[in-house]
Every structure is written in structure tokens, then in C-alpha cells.
Amino acid sequence: SLSFYPDYPIPGFLDFIQPGMQAMSNGNMTAEDWTRDLQAFYDDGRDATLAG
């Protein structure tokens, strides 16, 4: 689908980053936790995209 930011690397990226940023702002998640989760989300999405 089209979006305002066509350079999102994987499907669902925006849906992932928004709540994570909110959780960090609220102090419910550390930057290290969010970065680890983001990397895992990206890796899974990339693998699924490349697999077709």
C-alpha cells in the first residue's frame, strides 16, 4: 500500500515504532530494549519480505 513515507523498510514498521516510542517516553521501556525489539522486528520482516 502507499504511504506518506515510501521508504519504510518493512510492512508494519510504523505500527511498531509508534507504541515503542510512547513506551520509552512513559519510562515503560528502555532504549536498549526498544532497539533490541526493533532489530528483531526488522529482521523478521526482512526475512518474510525476501521469502516472498
PDB file of N, CA and C in Angstrom:
ATOM      1  N   SER A   1       0.835  -1.182   0.000  1.00  0.00           N
ATOM      2  CA  SER A   1       0.000   0.000   0.000  1.00  0.00           C
ATOM      3  C   SER A   1       0.877   1.242   0.000  1.00  0.00           C
ATOM      4  N   LEU A   2       0.314   2.332  -0.384  1.00  0.00           N
ATOM      5  CA  LEU A   2       1.044   3.592  -0.419  1.00  0.00           C
ATOM      6  C   LEU A   2       1.008   4.251   0.949  1.00  0.00           C
ATOM      7  N   SER A   3       2.054   4.977   1.263  1.00  0.00           N
ATOM      8  CA  SER A   3       2.081   5.753   2.499  1.00  0.00           C
ATOM      9  C   SER A   3       2.817   7.050   2.216  1.00  0.00           C
ATOM     10  N   PHE A   4       2.787   7.922   3.193  1.00  0.00           N
ATOM     11  CA  PHE A   4       3.484   9.194   3.031  1.00  0.00           C
ATOM     12  C   PHE A   4       4.997   9.009   3.030  1.00  0.00           C
ATOM     13  N   TYR A   5       5.475   7.913   3.574  1.00  0.00           N
ATOM     14  CA  TYR A   5       6.902   7.645   3.664  1.00  0.00           C
ATOM     15  C   TYR A   5       7.202   6.309   2.989  1.00  0.00           C
ATOM     16  N   PRO A   6       7.374   6.318   1.696  1.00  0.00           N
ATOM     17  CA  PRO A   6       7.538   5.060   0.960  1.00  0.00           C
ATOM     18  C   PRO A   6       8.850   4.336   1.254  1.00  0.00           C
ATOM     19  N   ASP A   7       9.703   4.934   2.069  1.00  0.00           N
ATOM     20  CA  ASP A   7      10.983   4.293   2.354  1.00  0.00           C
ATOM     21  C   ASP A   7      10.935   3.416   3.602  1.00  0.00           C
ATOM     22  N   TYR A   8       9.741   3.181   4.157  1.00  0.00           N
ATOM     23  CA  TYR A   8       9.676   2.244   5.285  1.00  0.00           C
ATOM     24  C   TYR A   8      10.238   0.914   4.825  1.00  0.00           C
ATOM     25  N   PRO A   9      11.146   0.338   5.580  1.00  0.00           N
ATOM     26  CA  PRO A   9      11.861  -0.844   5.100  1.00  0.00           C
ATOM     27  C   PRO A   9      11.059  -2.141   5.106  1.00  0.00           C
ATOM     28  N   ILE A  10      10.045  -2.232   5.972  1.00  0.00           N
ATOM     29  CA  ILE A  10       9.265  -3.468   6.075  1.00  0.00           C
ATOM     30  C   ILE A  10       7.814  -3.139   6.404  1.00  0.00           C
ATOM     31  N   PRO A  11       6.886  -4.005   6.043  1.00  0.00           N
ATOM     32  CA  PRO A  11       5.483  -3.784   6.390  1.00  0.00           C
ATOM     33  C   PRO A  11       5.293  -3.744   7.907  1.00  0.00           C
ATOM     34  N   GLY A  12       4.457  -2.841   8.359  1.00  0.00           N
ATOM     35  CA  GLY A  12       4.147  -2.731   9.777  1.00  0.00           C
ATOM     36  C   GLY A  12       5.142  -1.915  10.583  1.00  0.00           C
ATOM     37  N   PHE A  13       6.117  -1.313   9.920  1.00  0.00           N
ATOM     38  CA  PHE A  13       7.175  -0.582  10.626  1.00  0.00           C
ATOM     39  C   PHE A  13       6.613   0.549  11.481  1.00  0.00           C
ATOM     40  N   LEU A  14       5.739   1.367  10.909  1.00  0.00           N
ATOM     41  CA  LEU A  14       5.167   2.484  11.660  1.00  0.00           C
ATOM     42  C   LEU A  14       4.341   1.976  12.831  1.00  0.00           C
ATOM     43  N   ASP A  15       3.583   0.912  12.618  1.00  0.00           N
ATOM     44  CA  ASP A  15       2.780   0.341  13.701  1.00  0.00           C
ATOM     45  C   ASP A  15       3.661  -0.173  14.833  1.00  0.00           C
ATOM     46  N   PHE A  16       4.878  -0.537  14.523  1.00  0.00           N
ATOM     47  CA  PHE A  16       5.809  -0.996  15.554  1.00  0.00           C
ATOM     48  C   PHE A  16       6.454   0.179  16.282  1.00  0.00           C
ATOM     49  N   ILE A  17       6.934   1.178  15.537  1.00  0.00           N
ATOM     50  CA  ILE A  17       7.725   2.224  16.184  1.00  0.00           C
ATOM     51  C   ILE A  17       6.899   3.161  17.055  1.00  0.00           C
ATOM     52  N   GLN A  18       5.648   3.424  16.698  1.00  0.00           N
ATOM     53  CA  GLN A  18       4.859   4.382  17.474  1.00  0.00           C
ATOM     54  C   GLN A  18       4.642   3.957  18.923  1.00  0.00           C
ATOM     55  N   PRO A  19       4.141   2.752  19.193  1.00  0.00           N
ATOM     56  CA  PRO A  19       3.960   2.387  20.603  1.00  0.00           C
ATOM     57  C   PRO A  19       5.284   2.242  21.361  1.00  0.00           C
ATOM     58  N   GLY A  20       6.331   1.853  20.668  1.00  0.00           N
ATOM     59  CA  GLY A  20       7.632   1.751  21.325  1.00  0.00           C
ATOM     60  C   GLY A  20       8.152   3.107  21.758  1.00  0.00           C
ATOM     61  N   MET A  21       7.994   4.099  20.911  1.00  0.00           N
ATOM     62  CA  MET A  21       8.413   5.452  21.267  1.00  0.00           C
ATOM     63  C   MET A  21       7.589   5.973  22.441  1.00  0.00           C
ATOM     64  N   GLN A  22       6.296   5.675  22.435  1.00  0.00           N
ATOM     65  CA  GLN A  22       5.439   6.088  23.542  1.00  0.00           C
ATOM     66  C   GLN A  22       5.867   5.402  24.834  1.00  0.00           C
ATOM     67  N   ALA A  23       6.176   4.118  24.762  1.00  0.00           N
ATOM     68  CA  ALA A  23       6.608   3.380  25.950  1.00  0.00           C
ATOM     69  C   ALA A  23       7.906   3.958  26.510  1.00  0.00           C
ATOM     70  N   MET A  24       8.827   4.341  25.640  1.00  0.00           N
ATOM     71  CA  MET A  24      10.064   4.961  26.120  1.00  0.00           C
ATOM     72  C   MET A  24       9.780   6.314  26.750  1.00  0.00           C
ATOM     73  N   SER A  25       8.880   7.087  26.151  1.00  0.00           N
ATOM     74  CA  SER A  25       8.523   8.395  26.701  1.00  0.00           C
ATOM     75  C   SER A  25       7.900   8.265  28.081  1.00  0.00           C
ATOM     76  N   ASN A  26       7.131   7.200  28.284  1.00  0.00           N
ATOM     77  CA  ASN A  26       6.477   6.971  29.572  1.00  0.00           C
ATOM     78  C   ASN A  26       7.404   6.332  30.596  1.00  0.00           C
ATOM     79  N   GLY A  27       8.573   5.906  30.170  1.00  0.00           N
ATOM     80  CA  GLY A  27       9.501   5.234  31.062  1.00  0.00           C
ATOM     81  C   GLY A  27       9.199   3.760  31.249  1.00  0.00           C
ATOM     82  N   ASN A  28       8.351   3.204  30.385  1.00  0.00           N
ATOM     83  CA  ASN A  28       7.981   1.793  30.488  1.00  0.00           C
ATOM     84  C   ASN A  28       8.919   0.869  29.723  1.00  0.00           C
ATOM     85  N   MET A  29       9.844   1.441  28.966  1.00  0.00           N
ATOM     86  CA  MET A  29      10.774   0.646  28.168  1.00  0.00           C
ATOM     87  C   MET A  29      12.071   1.436  28.051  1.00  0.00           C
ATOM     88  N   THR A  30      13.185   0.727  28.091  1.00  0.00           N
ATOM     89  CA  THR A  30      14.468   1.399  27.908  1.00  0.00           C
ATOM     90  C   THR A  30      14.801   1.483  26.419  1.00  0.00           C
ATOM     91  N   ALA A  31      15.710   2.367  26.098  1.00  0.00           N
ATOM     92  CA  ALA A  31      16.148   2.490  24.708  1.00  0.00           C
ATOM     93  C   ALA A  31      16.806   1.196  24.238  1.00  0.00           C
ATOM     94  N   GLU A  32      17.516   0.541  25.128  1.00  0.00           N
ATOM     95  CA  GLU A  32      18.173  -0.716  24.769  1.00  0.00           C
ATOM     96  C   GLU A  32      17.144  -1.798  24.443  1.00  0.00           C
ATOM     97  N   ASP A  33      16.082  -1.879  25.257  1.00  0.00           N
ATOM     98  CA  ASP A  33      15.020  -2.854  24.996  1.00  0.00           C
ATOM     99  C   ASP A  33      14.340  -2.563  23.670  1.00  0.00           C
ATOM    100  N   TRP A  34      14.049  -1.293  23.430  1.00  0.00           N
ATOM    101  CA  TRP A  34      13.356  -0.917  22.202  1.00  0.00           C
ATOM    102  C   TRP A  34      14.226  -1.197  20.980  1.00  0.00           C
ATOM    103  N   THR A  35      15.497  -0.883  21.089  1.00  0.00           N
ATOM    104  CA  THR A  35      16.408  -1.128  19.969  1.00  0.00           C
ATOM    105  C   THR A  35      16.516  -2.620  19.674  1.00  0.00           C
ATOM    106  N   ARG A  36      16.607  -3.428  20.712  1.00  0.00           N
ATOM    107  CA  ARG A  36      16.658  -4.886  20.533  1.00  0.00           C
ATOM    108  C   ARG A  36      15.383  -5.396  19.861  1.00  0.00           C
ATOM    109  N   ASP A  37      14.226  -4.924  20.352  1.00  0.00           N
ATOM    110  CA  ASP A  37      12.948  -5.352  19.778  1.00  0.00           C
ATOM    111  C   ASP A  37      12.793  -4.867  18.339  1.00  0.00           C
ATOM    112  N   LEU A  38      13.246  -3.642  18.077  1.00  0.00           N
ATOM    113  CA  LEU A  38      13.178  -3.095  16.725  1.00  0.00           C
ATOM    114  C   LEU A  38      14.024  -3.924  15.766  1.00  0.00           C
ATOM    115  N   GLN A  39      15.220  -4.305  16.199  1.00  0.00           N
ATOM    116  CA  GLN A  39      16.087  -5.111  15.336  1.00  0.00           C
ATOM    117  C   GLN A  39      15.446  -6.452  15.026  1.00  0.00           C
ATOM    118  N   ALA A  40      14.851  -7.074  16.035  1.00  0.00           N
ATOM    119  CA  ALA A  40      14.193  -8.370  15.823  1.00  0.00           C
ATOM    120  C   ALA A  40      13.001  -8.220  14.882  1.00  0.00           C
ATOM    121  N   PHE A  41      12.210  -7.154  15.060  1.00  0.00           N
ATOM    122  CA  PHE A  41      11.057  -6.910  14.192  1.00  0.00           C
ATOM    123  C   PHE A  41      11.511  -6.694  12.753  1.00  0.00           C
ATOM    124  N   TYR A  42      12.555  -5.896  12.588  1.00  0.00           N
ATOM    125  CA  TYR A  42      13.085  -5.636  11.250  1.00  0.00           C
ATOM    126  C   TYR A  42      13.616  -6.920  10.606  1.00  0.00           C
ATOM    127  N   ASP A  43      14.394  -7.679  11.356  1.00  0.00           N
ATOM    128  CA  ASP A  43      14.966  -8.916  10.806  1.00  0.00           C
ATOM    129  C   ASP A  43      13.870  -9.881  10.364  1.00  0.00           C
ATOM    130  N   ASP A  44      12.847 -10.049  11.200  1.00  0.00           N
ATOM    131  CA  ASP A  44      11.737 -10.943  10.847  1.00  0.00           C
ATOM    132  C   ASP A  44      10.996 -10.438   9.610  1.00  0.00           C
ATOM    133  N   GLY A  45      10.739  -9.129   9.558  1.00  0.00           N
ATOM    134  CA  GLY A  45      10.038  -8.552   8.415  1.00  0.00           C
ATOM    135  C   GLY A  45      10.839  -8.634   7.133  1.00  0.00           C
ATOM    136  N   ARG A  46      12.135  -8.406   7.240  1.00  0.00           N
ATOM    137  CA  ARG A  46      13.011  -8.504   6.067  1.00  0.00           C
ATOM    138  C   ARG A  46      13.032  -9.931   5.540  1.00  0.00           C
ATOM    139  N   ASP A  47      13.169 -10.873   6.449  1.00  0.00           N
ATOM    140  CA  ASP A  47      13.196 -12.276   6.035  1.00  0.00           C
ATOM    141  C   ASP A  47      11.885 -12.676   5.356  1.00  0.00           C
ATOM    142  N   ALA A  48      10.763 -12.241   5.915  1.00  0.00           N
ATOM    143  CA  ALA A  48       9.460 -12.562   5.326  1.00  0.00           C
ATOM    144  C   ALA A  48       9.302 -11.913   3.956  1.00  0.00           C
ATOM    145  N   THR A  49       9.771 -10.672   3.822  1.00  0.00           N
ATOM    146  CA  THR A  49       9.669  -9.965   2.545  1.00  0.00           C
ATOM    147  C   THR A  49      10.536 -10.639   1.484  1.00  0.00           C
ATOM    148  N   LEU A  50      11.741 -11.006   1.847  1.00  0.00           N
ATOM    149  CA  LEU A  50      12.637 -11.649   0.887  1.00  0.00           C
ATOM    150  C   LEU A  50      12.173 -13.051   0.509  1.00  0.00           C
ATOM    151  N   ALA A  51      11.467 -13.701   1.420  1.00  0.00           N
ATOM    152  CA  ALA A  51      10.960 -15.044   1.135  1.00  0.00           C
ATOM    153  C   ALA A  51       9.770 -15.007   0.183  1.00  0.00           C
ATOM    154  N   GLY A  52       9.190 -13.811   0.044  1.00  0.00           N
ATOM    155  CA  GLY A  52       8.084 -13.658  -0.898  1.00  0.00           C
ATOM    156  C   GLY A  52       6.810 -13.970  -0.277  1.00  0.00           C
TER     157      GLY A  52
END
